[in-house]
Amino acid sequence: EREVSIDQLRVGDWVLVKPGEQIPTDGTVI
């Protein structure tokens, strides 16, 4: 994992969200 600004996210990227954290993007749980 690597922490980046949400402005750097691209469609198709995988994002990890831990318990109690804010979800940073619109997406689908895989």
Full PDB file with SEQRES, HELIX, SHEET, SSBOND, CRYST1, ORIGX, SCALE, CONECT and MASTER records, all heavy atoms in Angstrom:
SEQRES   1 A   30  GLU ARG GLU VAL SER ILE ASP GLN LEU ARG VAL GLY ASP          
SEQRES   2 A   30  TRP VAL LEU VAL LYS PRO GLY GLU GLN ILE PRO THR ASP          
SEQRES   3 A   30  GLY THR VAL ILE                                              
HELIX    1 AA1 ILE A    6  GLN A    8  5                                   3    
CRYST1    1.000    1.000    1.000  90.00  90.00  90.00 P 1           1          
ORIGX1      1.000000  0.000000  0.000000        0.00000                         
ORIGX2      0.000000  1.000000  0.000000        0.00000                         
ORIGX3      0.000000  0.000000  1.000000        0.00000                         
SCALE1      1.000000  0.000000  0.000000        0.00000                         
SCALE2      0.000000  1.000000  0.000000        0.00000                         
SCALE3      0.000000  0.000000  1.000000        0.00000                         
ATOM      1  N   GLU A   1       0.827  -1.202   0.000  1.00  0.00           N  
ATOM      2  CA  GLU A   1       0.000   0.000   0.000  1.00  0.00           C  
ATOM      3  C   GLU A   1       0.863   1.254   0.000  1.00  0.00           C  
ATOM      4  O   GLU A   1       1.993   1.268   0.493  1.00  0.00           O  
ATOM      5  CB  GLU A   1      -0.931   0.014   1.202  1.00  0.00           C  
ATOM      6  CG  GLU A   1      -0.251   0.098   2.533  1.00  0.00           C  
ATOM      7  CD  GLU A   1      -1.266   0.246   3.652  1.00  0.00           C  
ATOM      8  OE1 GLU A   1      -1.759  -0.776   4.139  1.00  0.00           O  
ATOM      9  OE2 GLU A   1      -1.533   1.407   4.021  1.00  0.00           O  
ATOM     10  N   ARG A   2       0.268   2.326  -0.580  1.00  0.00           N  
ATOM     11  CA  ARG A   2       0.975   3.602  -0.654  1.00  0.00           C  
ATOM     12  C   ARG A   2      -0.055   4.712  -0.523  1.00  0.00           C  
ATOM     13  O   ARG A   2      -1.100   4.684  -1.169  1.00  0.00           O  
ATOM     14  CB  ARG A   2       1.707   3.698  -2.001  1.00  0.00           C  
ATOM     15  CG  ARG A   2       2.469   4.997  -2.219  1.00  0.00           C  
ATOM     16  CD  ARG A   2       3.495   4.824  -3.360  1.00  0.00           C  
ATOM     17  NE  ARG A   2       2.891   4.243  -4.551  1.00  0.00           N  
ATOM     18  CZ  ARG A   2       2.365   4.966  -5.556  1.00  0.00           C  
ATOM     19  NH1 ARG A   2       2.360   6.287  -5.480  1.00  0.00           N  
ATOM     20  NH2 ARG A   2       1.859   4.367  -6.626  1.00  0.00           N  
ATOM     21  N   GLU A   3       0.212   5.685   0.347  1.00  0.00           N  
ATOM     22  CA  GLU A   3      -0.736   6.774   0.573  1.00  0.00           C  
ATOM     23  C   GLU A   3      -0.527   7.878  -0.461  1.00  0.00           C  
ATOM     24  O   GLU A   3       0.593   8.355  -0.655  1.00  0.00           O  
ATOM     25  CB  GLU A   3      -0.570   7.339   1.991  1.00  0.00           C  
ATOM     26  CG  GLU A   3      -1.688   8.292   2.368  1.00  0.00           C  
ATOM     27  CD  GLU A   3      -1.768   8.529   3.864  1.00  0.00           C  
ATOM     28  OE1 GLU A   3      -1.568   7.560   4.639  1.00  0.00           O  
ATOM     29  OE2 GLU A   3      -2.027   9.683   4.255  1.00  0.00           O  
ATOM     30  N   VAL A   4      -1.632   8.272  -1.121  1.00  0.00           N  
ATOM     31  CA  VAL A   4      -1.575   9.303  -2.151  1.00  0.00           C  
ATOM     32  C   VAL A   4      -2.738  10.264  -1.959  1.00  0.00           C  
ATOM     33  O   VAL A   4      -3.712   9.971  -1.269  1.00  0.00           O  
ATOM     34  CB  VAL A   4      -1.642   8.695  -3.572  1.00  0.00           C  
ATOM     35  CG1 VAL A   4      -0.489   7.751  -3.823  1.00  0.00           C  
ATOM     36  CG2 VAL A   4      -2.988   7.987  -3.797  1.00  0.00           C  
ATOM     37  N   SER A   5      -2.639  11.435  -2.574  1.00  0.00           N  
ATOM     38  CA  SER A   5      -3.750  12.376  -2.588  1.00  0.00           C  
ATOM     39  C   SER A   5      -4.889  11.793  -3.418  1.00  0.00           C  
ATOM     40  O   SER A   5      -4.651  11.097  -4.412  1.00  0.00           O  
ATOM     41  CB  SER A   5      -3.296  13.708  -3.185  1.00  0.00           C  
ATOM     42  OG  SER A   5      -4.411  14.522  -3.491  1.00  0.00           O  
ATOM     43  N   ILE A   6      -6.119  12.086  -3.038  1.00  0.00           N  
ATOM     44  CA  ILE A   6      -7.254  11.538  -3.797  1.00  0.00           C  
ATOM     45  C   ILE A   6      -7.266  12.056  -5.231  1.00  0.00           C  
ATOM     46  O   ILE A   6      -7.838  11.422  -6.116  1.00  0.00           O  
ATOM     47  CB  ILE A   6      -8.610  11.837  -3.114  1.00  0.00           C  
ATOM     48  CG1 ILE A   6      -8.856  13.349  -3.017  1.00  0.00           C  
ATOM     49  CG2 ILE A   6      -8.715  11.182  -1.772  1.00  0.00           C  
ATOM     50  CD1 ILE A   6     -10.286  13.704  -2.696  1.00  0.00           C  
ATOM     51  N   ASP A   7      -6.635  13.208  -5.468  1.00  0.00           N  
ATOM     52  CA  ASP A   7      -6.577  13.743  -6.831  1.00  0.00           C  
ATOM     53  C   ASP A   7      -5.715  12.878  -7.748  1.00  0.00           C  
ATOM     54  O   ASP A   7      -5.802  12.992  -8.973  1.00  0.00           O  
ATOM     55  CB  ASP A   7      -6.027  15.170  -6.820  1.00  0.00           C  
ATOM     56  CG  ASP A   7      -6.943  16.132  -6.072  1.00  0.00           C  
ATOM     57  OD1 ASP A   7      -8.169  15.908  -6.119  1.00  0.00           O  
ATOM     58  OD2 ASP A   7      -6.440  17.073  -5.450  1.00  0.00           O  
ATOM     59  N   GLN A   8      -4.880  12.020  -7.161  1.00  0.00           N  
ATOM     60  CA  GLN A   8      -4.014  11.150  -7.953  1.00  0.00           C  
ATOM     61  C   GLN A   8      -4.675   9.813  -8.299  1.00  0.00           C  
ATOM     62  O   GLN A   8      -4.118   9.039  -9.065  1.00  0.00           O  
ATOM     63  CB  GLN A   8      -2.708  10.880  -7.192  1.00  0.00           C  
ATOM     64  CG  GLN A   8      -1.842  12.122  -7.000  1.00  0.00           C  
ATOM     65  CD  GLN A   8      -0.591  11.821  -6.205  1.00  0.00           C  
ATOM     66  OE1 GLN A   8      -0.514  12.034  -5.003  1.00  0.00           O  
ATOM     67  NE2 GLN A   8       0.408  11.267  -6.878  1.00  0.00           N  
ATOM     68  N   LEU A   9      -5.839   9.546  -7.720  1.00  0.00           N  
ATOM     69  CA  LEU A   9      -6.516   8.283  -8.000  1.00  0.00           C  
ATOM     70  C   LEU A   9      -7.000   8.239  -9.439  1.00  0.00           C  
ATOM     71  O   LEU A   9      -7.490   9.235  -9.978  1.00  0.00           O  
ATOM     72  CB  LEU A   9      -7.704   8.094  -7.052  1.00  0.00           C  
ATOM     73  CG  LEU A   9      -7.390   7.881  -5.567  1.00  0.00           C  
ATOM     74  CD1 LEU A   9      -8.680   7.766  -4.774  1.00  0.00           C  
ATOM     75  CD2 LEU A   9      -6.537   6.628  -5.377  1.00  0.00           C  
ATOM     76  N   ARG A  10      -6.891   7.066 -10.050  1.00  0.00           N  
ATOM     77  CA  ARG A  10      -7.362   6.851 -11.410  1.00  0.00           C  
ATOM     78  C   ARG A  10      -8.391   5.720 -11.412  1.00  0.00           C  
ATOM     79  O   ARG A  10      -8.346   4.824 -10.562  1.00  0.00           O  
ATOM     80  CB  ARG A  10      -6.195   6.487 -12.341  1.00  0.00           C  
ATOM     81  CG  ARG A  10      -5.127   7.575 -12.449  1.00  0.00           C  
ATOM     82  CD  ARG A  10      -5.669   8.806 -13.174  1.00  0.00           C  
ATOM     83  NE  ARG A  10      -4.672   9.863 -13.286  1.00  0.00           N  
ATOM     84  CZ  ARG A  10      -4.579  10.870 -12.430  1.00  0.00           C  
ATOM     85  NH1 ARG A  10      -5.415  10.951 -11.392  1.00  0.00           N  
ATOM     86  NH2 ARG A  10      -3.661  11.811 -12.588  1.00  0.00           N  
ATOM     87  N   VAL A  11      -9.297   5.777 -12.371  1.00  0.00           N  
ATOM     88  CA  VAL A  11     -10.301   4.722 -12.495  1.00  0.00           C  
ATOM     89  C   VAL A  11      -9.588   3.382 -12.680  1.00  0.00           C  
ATOM     90  O   VAL A  11      -8.690   3.252 -13.505  1.00  0.00           O  
ATOM     91  CB  VAL A  11     -11.248   4.992 -13.679  1.00  0.00           C  
ATOM     92  CG1 VAL A  11     -12.203   3.825 -13.889  1.00  0.00           C  
ATOM     93  CG2 VAL A  11     -12.025   6.286 -13.441  1.00  0.00           C  
ATOM     94  N   GLY A  12      -9.996   2.396 -11.888  1.00  0.00           N  
ATOM     95  CA  GLY A  12      -9.378   1.074 -11.947  1.00  0.00           C  
ATOM     96  C   GLY A  12      -8.373   0.818 -10.838  1.00  0.00           C  
ATOM     97  O   GLY A  12      -8.002  -0.329 -10.582  1.00  0.00           O  
ATOM     98  N   ASP A  13      -7.903   1.886 -10.153  1.00  0.00           N  
ATOM     99  CA  ASP A  13      -7.000   1.693  -9.015  1.00  0.00           C  
ATOM    100  C   ASP A  13      -7.702   0.911  -7.911  1.00  0.00           C  
ATOM    101  O   ASP A  13      -8.929   0.969  -7.769  1.00  0.00           O  
ATOM    102  CB  ASP A  13      -6.552   3.050  -8.454  1.00  0.00           C  
ATOM    103  CG  ASP A  13      -5.494   3.726  -9.315  1.00  0.00           C  
ATOM    104  OD1 ASP A  13      -4.961   3.044 -10.210  1.00  0.00           O  
ATOM    105  OD2 ASP A  13      -5.209   4.915  -9.092  1.00  0.00           O  
ATOM    106  N   TRP A  14      -6.894   0.212  -7.098  1.00  0.00           N  
ATOM    107  CA  TRP A  14      -7.415  -0.476  -5.924  1.00  0.00           C  
ATOM    108  C   TRP A  14      -7.075   0.347  -4.693  1.00  0.00           C  
ATOM    109  O   TRP A  14      -5.920   0.762  -4.502  1.00  0.00           O  
ATOM    110  CB  TRP A  14      -6.815  -1.882  -5.799  1.00  0.00           C  
ATOM    111  CG  TRP A  14      -7.332  -2.849  -6.815  1.00  0.00           C  
ATOM    112  CD1 TRP A  14      -8.077  -2.574  -7.912  1.00  0.00           C  
ATOM    113  CD2 TRP A  14      -7.126  -4.261  -6.818  1.00  0.00           C  
ATOM    114  NE1 TRP A  14      -8.353  -3.711  -8.619  1.00  0.00           N  
ATOM    115  CE2 TRP A  14      -7.782  -4.780  -7.960  1.00  0.00           C  
ATOM    116  CE3 TRP A  14      -6.447  -5.147  -5.988  1.00  0.00           C  
ATOM    117  CZ2 TRP A  14      -7.785  -6.129  -8.282  1.00  0.00           C  
ATOM    118  CZ3 TRP A  14      -6.443  -6.497  -6.288  1.00  0.00           C  
ATOM    119  CH2 TRP A  14      -7.115  -6.989  -7.433  1.00  0.00           C  
ATOM    120  N   VAL A  15      -8.066   0.566  -3.847  1.00  0.00           N  
ATOM    121  CA  VAL A  15      -7.890   1.379  -2.643  1.00  0.00           C  
ATOM    122  C   VAL A  15      -8.235   0.539  -1.420  1.00  0.00           C  
ATOM    123  O   VAL A  15      -9.274  -0.138  -1.393  1.00  0.00           O  
ATOM    124  CB  VAL A  15      -8.796   2.633  -2.695  1.00  0.00           C  
ATOM    125  CG1 VAL A  15      -8.768   3.374  -1.372  1.00  0.00           C  
ATOM    126  CG2 VAL A  15      -8.355   3.558  -3.818  1.00  0.00           C  
ATOM    127  N   LEU A  16      -7.373   0.593  -0.417  1.00  0.00           N  
ATOM    128  CA  LEU A  16      -7.594  -0.132   0.831  1.00  0.00           C  
ATOM    129  C   LEU A  16      -8.174   0.811   1.875  1.00  0.00           C  
ATOM    130  O   LEU A  16      -7.649   1.903   2.095  1.00  0.00           O  
ATOM    131  CB  LEU A  16      -6.270  -0.712   1.348  1.00  0.00           C  
ATOM    132  CG  LEU A  16      -6.305  -1.413   2.709  1.00  0.00           C  
ATOM    133  CD1 LEU A  16      -7.201  -2.639   2.652  1.00  0.00           C  
ATOM    134  CD2 LEU A  16      -4.901  -1.795   3.150  1.00  0.00           C  
ATOM    135  N   VAL A  17      -9.271   0.405   2.506  1.00  0.00           N  
ATOM    136  CA  VAL A  17      -9.905   1.194   3.568  1.00  0.00           C  
ATOM    137  C   VAL A  17      -9.974   0.344   4.825  1.00  0.00           C  
ATOM    138  O   VAL A  17     -10.597  -0.721   4.832  1.00  0.00           O  
ATOM    139  CB  VAL A  17     -11.321   1.656   3.162  1.00  0.00           C  
ATOM    140  CG1 VAL A  17     -11.919   2.533   4.265  1.00  0.00           C  
ATOM    141  CG2 VAL A  17     -11.289   2.426   1.849  1.00  0.00           C  
ATOM    142  N   LYS A  18      -9.321   0.808   5.880  1.00  0.00           N  
ATOM    143  CA  LYS A  18      -9.266   0.059   7.134  1.00  0.00           C  
ATOM    144  C   LYS A  18     -10.484   0.376   8.006  1.00  0.00           C  
ATOM    145  O   LYS A  18     -11.211   1.338   7.758  1.00  0.00           O  
ATOM    146  CB  LYS A  18      -7.971   0.401   7.873  1.00  0.00           C  
ATOM    147  CG  LYS A  18      -6.719  -0.034   7.133  1.00  0.00           C  
ATOM    148  CD  LYS A  18      -5.478   0.296   7.945  1.00  0.00           C  
ATOM    149  CE  LYS A  18      -4.222  -0.143   7.201  1.00  0.00           C  
ATOM    150  NZ  LYS A  18      -2.988   0.134   7.977  1.00  0.00           N  
ATOM    151  N   PRO A  19     -10.694  -0.425   9.064  1.00  0.00           N  
ATOM    152  CA  PRO A  19     -11.837  -0.170   9.964  1.00  0.00           C  
ATOM    153  C   PRO A  19     -11.802   1.238  10.543  1.00  0.00           C  
ATOM    154  O   PRO A  19     -10.746   1.738  10.963  1.00  0.00           O  
ATOM    155  CB  PRO A  19     -11.642  -1.222  11.061  1.00  0.00           C  
ATOM    156  CG  PRO A  19     -10.904  -2.328  10.398  1.00  0.00           C  
ATOM    157  CD  PRO A  19      -9.977  -1.654   9.432  1.00  0.00           C  
ATOM    158  N   GLY A  20     -12.970   1.897  10.548  1.00  0.00           N  
ATOM    159  CA  GLY A  20     -13.095   3.228  11.127  1.00  0.00           C  
ATOM    160  C   GLY A  20     -12.600   4.352  10.259  1.00  0.00           C  
ATOM    161  O   GLY A  20     -12.653   5.515  10.669  1.00  0.00           O  
ATOM    162  N   GLU A  21     -12.141   4.058   9.045  1.00  0.00           N  
ATOM    163  CA  GLU A  21     -11.629   5.099   8.161  1.00  0.00           C  
ATOM    164  C   GLU A  21     -12.699   5.584   7.190  1.00  0.00           C  
ATOM    165  O   GLU A  21     -13.686   4.896   6.925  1.00  0.00           O  
ATOM    166  CB  GLU A  21     -10.419   4.596   7.369  1.00  0.00           C  
ATOM    167  CG  GLU A  21      -9.181   4.404   8.218  1.00  0.00           C  
ATOM    168  CD  GLU A  21      -7.961   4.078   7.370  1.00  0.00           C  
ATOM    169  OE1 GLU A  21      -8.121   3.553   6.244  1.00  0.00           O  
ATOM    170  OE2 GLU A  21      -6.852   4.349   7.832  1.00  0.00           O  
ATOM    171  N   GLN A  22     -12.429   6.758   6.649  1.00  0.00           N  
ATOM    172  CA  GLN A  22     -13.321   7.330   5.647  1.00  0.00           C  
ATOM    173  C   GLN A  22     -13.034   6.715   4.285  1.00  0.00           C  
ATOM    174  O   GLN A  22     -11.877   6.507   3.922  1.00  0.00           O  
ATOM    175  CB  GLN A  22     -13.095   8.837   5.603  1.00  0.00           C  
ATOM    176  CG  GLN A  22     -14.149   9.620   4.840  1.00  0.00           C  
ATOM    177  CD  GLN A  22     -13.831  11.099   4.856  1.00  0.00           C  
ATOM    178  OE1 GLN A  22     -12.668  11.487   4.783  1.00  0.00           O  
ATOM    179  NE2 GLN A  22     -14.847  11.920   4.956  1.00  0.00           N  
ATOM    180  N   ILE A  23     -14.088   6.416   3.546  1.00  0.00           N  
ATOM    181  CA  ILE A  23     -13.919   5.881   2.191  1.00  0.00           C  
ATOM    182  C   ILE A  23     -13.612   7.054   1.259  1.00  0.00           C  
ATOM    183  O   ILE A  23     -14.379   8.017   1.195  1.00  0.00           O  
ATOM    184  CB  ILE A  23     -15.179   5.122   1.747  1.00  0.00           C  
ATOM    185  CG1 ILE A  23     -15.343   3.867   2.622  1.00  0.00           C  
ATOM    186  CG2 ILE A  23     -15.105   4.741   0.277  1.00  0.00           C  
ATOM    187  CD1 ILE A  23     -16.617   3.101   2.371  1.00  0.00           C  
ATOM    188  N   PRO A  24     -12.489   7.011   0.540  1.00  0.00           N  
ATOM    189  CA  PRO A  24     -12.035   8.188  -0.209  1.00  0.00           C  
ATOM    190  C   PRO A  24     -12.555   8.303  -1.633  1.00  0.00           C  
ATOM    191  O   PRO A  24     -12.284   9.288  -2.307  1.00  0.00           O  
ATOM    192  CB  PRO A  24     -10.513   8.004  -0.223  1.00  0.00           C  
ATOM    193  CG  PRO A  24     -10.332   6.521  -0.252  1.00  0.00           C  
ATOM    194  CD  PRO A  24     -11.474   5.942   0.544  1.00  0.00           C  
ATOM    195  N   THR A  25     -13.273   7.298  -2.140  1.00  0.00           N  
ATOM    196  CA  THR A  25     -13.624   7.292  -3.558  1.00  0.00           C  
ATOM    197  C   THR A  25     -14.938   6.569  -3.798  1.00  0.00           C  
ATOM    198  O   THR A  25     -15.350   5.719  -2.996  1.00  0.00           O  
ATOM    199  CB  THR A  25     -12.513   6.599  -4.376  1.00  0.00           C  
ATOM    200  OG1 THR A  25     -12.848   6.633  -5.764  1.00  0.00           O  
ATOM    201  CG2 THR A  25     -12.331   5.164  -3.944  1.00  0.00           C  
ATOM    202  N   ASP A  26     -15.621   6.910  -4.882  1.00  0.00           N  
ATOM    203  CA  ASP A  26     -16.739   6.108  -5.358  1.00  0.00           C  
ATOM    204  C   ASP A  26     -16.164   4.861  -6.015  1.00  0.00           C  
ATOM    205  O   ASP A  26     -15.264   4.970  -6.865  1.00  0.00           O  
ATOM    206  CB  ASP A  26     -17.565   6.876  -6.395  1.00  0.00           C  
ATOM    207  CG  ASP A  26     -18.483   7.898  -5.758  1.00  0.00           C  
ATOM    208  OD1 ASP A  26     -18.339   8.143  -4.547  1.00  0.00           O  
ATOM    209  OD2 ASP A  26     -19.338   8.456  -6.470  1.00  0.00           O  
ATOM    210  N   GLY A  27     -16.658   3.713  -5.642  1.00  0.00           N  
ATOM    211  CA  GLY A  27     -16.102   2.502  -6.231  1.00  0.00           C  
ATOM    212  C   GLY A  27     -16.927   1.273  -5.909  1.00  0.00           C  
ATOM    213  O   GLY A  27     -18.042   1.362  -5.373  1.00  0.00           O  
ATOM    214  N   THR A  28     -16.346   0.116  -6.234  1.00  0.00           N  
ATOM    215  CA  THR A  28     -16.998  -1.178  -6.018  1.00  0.00           C  
ATOM    216  C   THR A  28     -16.109  -2.039  -5.133  1.00  0.00           C  
ATOM    217  O   THR A  28     -14.896  -2.116  -5.356  1.00  0.00           O  
ATOM    218  CB  THR A  28     -17.244  -1.886  -7.363  1.00  0.00           C  
ATOM    219  OG1 THR A  28     -18.037  -1.043  -8.193  1.00  0.00           O  
ATOM    220  CG2 THR A  28     -17.954  -3.215  -7.149  1.00  0.00           C  
ATOM    221  N   VAL A  29     -16.715  -2.668  -4.134  1.00  0.00           N  
ATOM    222  CA  VAL A  29     -15.966  -3.554  -3.242  1.00  0.00           C  
ATOM    223  C   VAL A  29     -15.539  -4.796  -4.022  1.00  0.00           C  
ATOM    224  O   VAL A  29     -16.378  -5.486  -4.616  1.00  0.00           O  
ATOM    225  CB  VAL A  29     -16.813  -3.962  -2.023  1.00  0.00           C  
ATOM    226  CG1 VAL A  29     -16.028  -4.936  -1.134  1.00  0.00           C  
ATOM    227  CG2 VAL A  29     -17.236  -2.740  -1.228  1.00  0.00           C  
ATOM    228  N   ILE A  30     -14.232  -5.093  -4.051  1.00  0.00           N  
ATOM    229  CA  ILE A  30     -13.749  -6.288  -4.743  1.00  0.00           C  
ATOM    230  C   ILE A  30     -13.251  -7.350  -3.758  1.00  0.00           C  
ATOM    231  O   ILE A  30     -13.059  -8.504  -4.131  1.00  0.00           O  
ATOM    232  CB  ILE A  30     -12.634  -5.949  -5.755  1.00  0.00           C  
ATOM    233  CG1 ILE A  30     -11.469  -5.235  -5.069  1.00  0.00           C  
ATOM    234  CG2 ILE A  30     -13.174  -5.114  -6.882  1.00  0.00           C  
ATOM    235  CD1 ILE A  30     -10.301  -4.982  -6.006  1.00  0.00           C  
TER     236      ILE A  30                                                      
MASTER        0    0    0    1    0    0    0    6  235    1    0    3          
END                                                                             
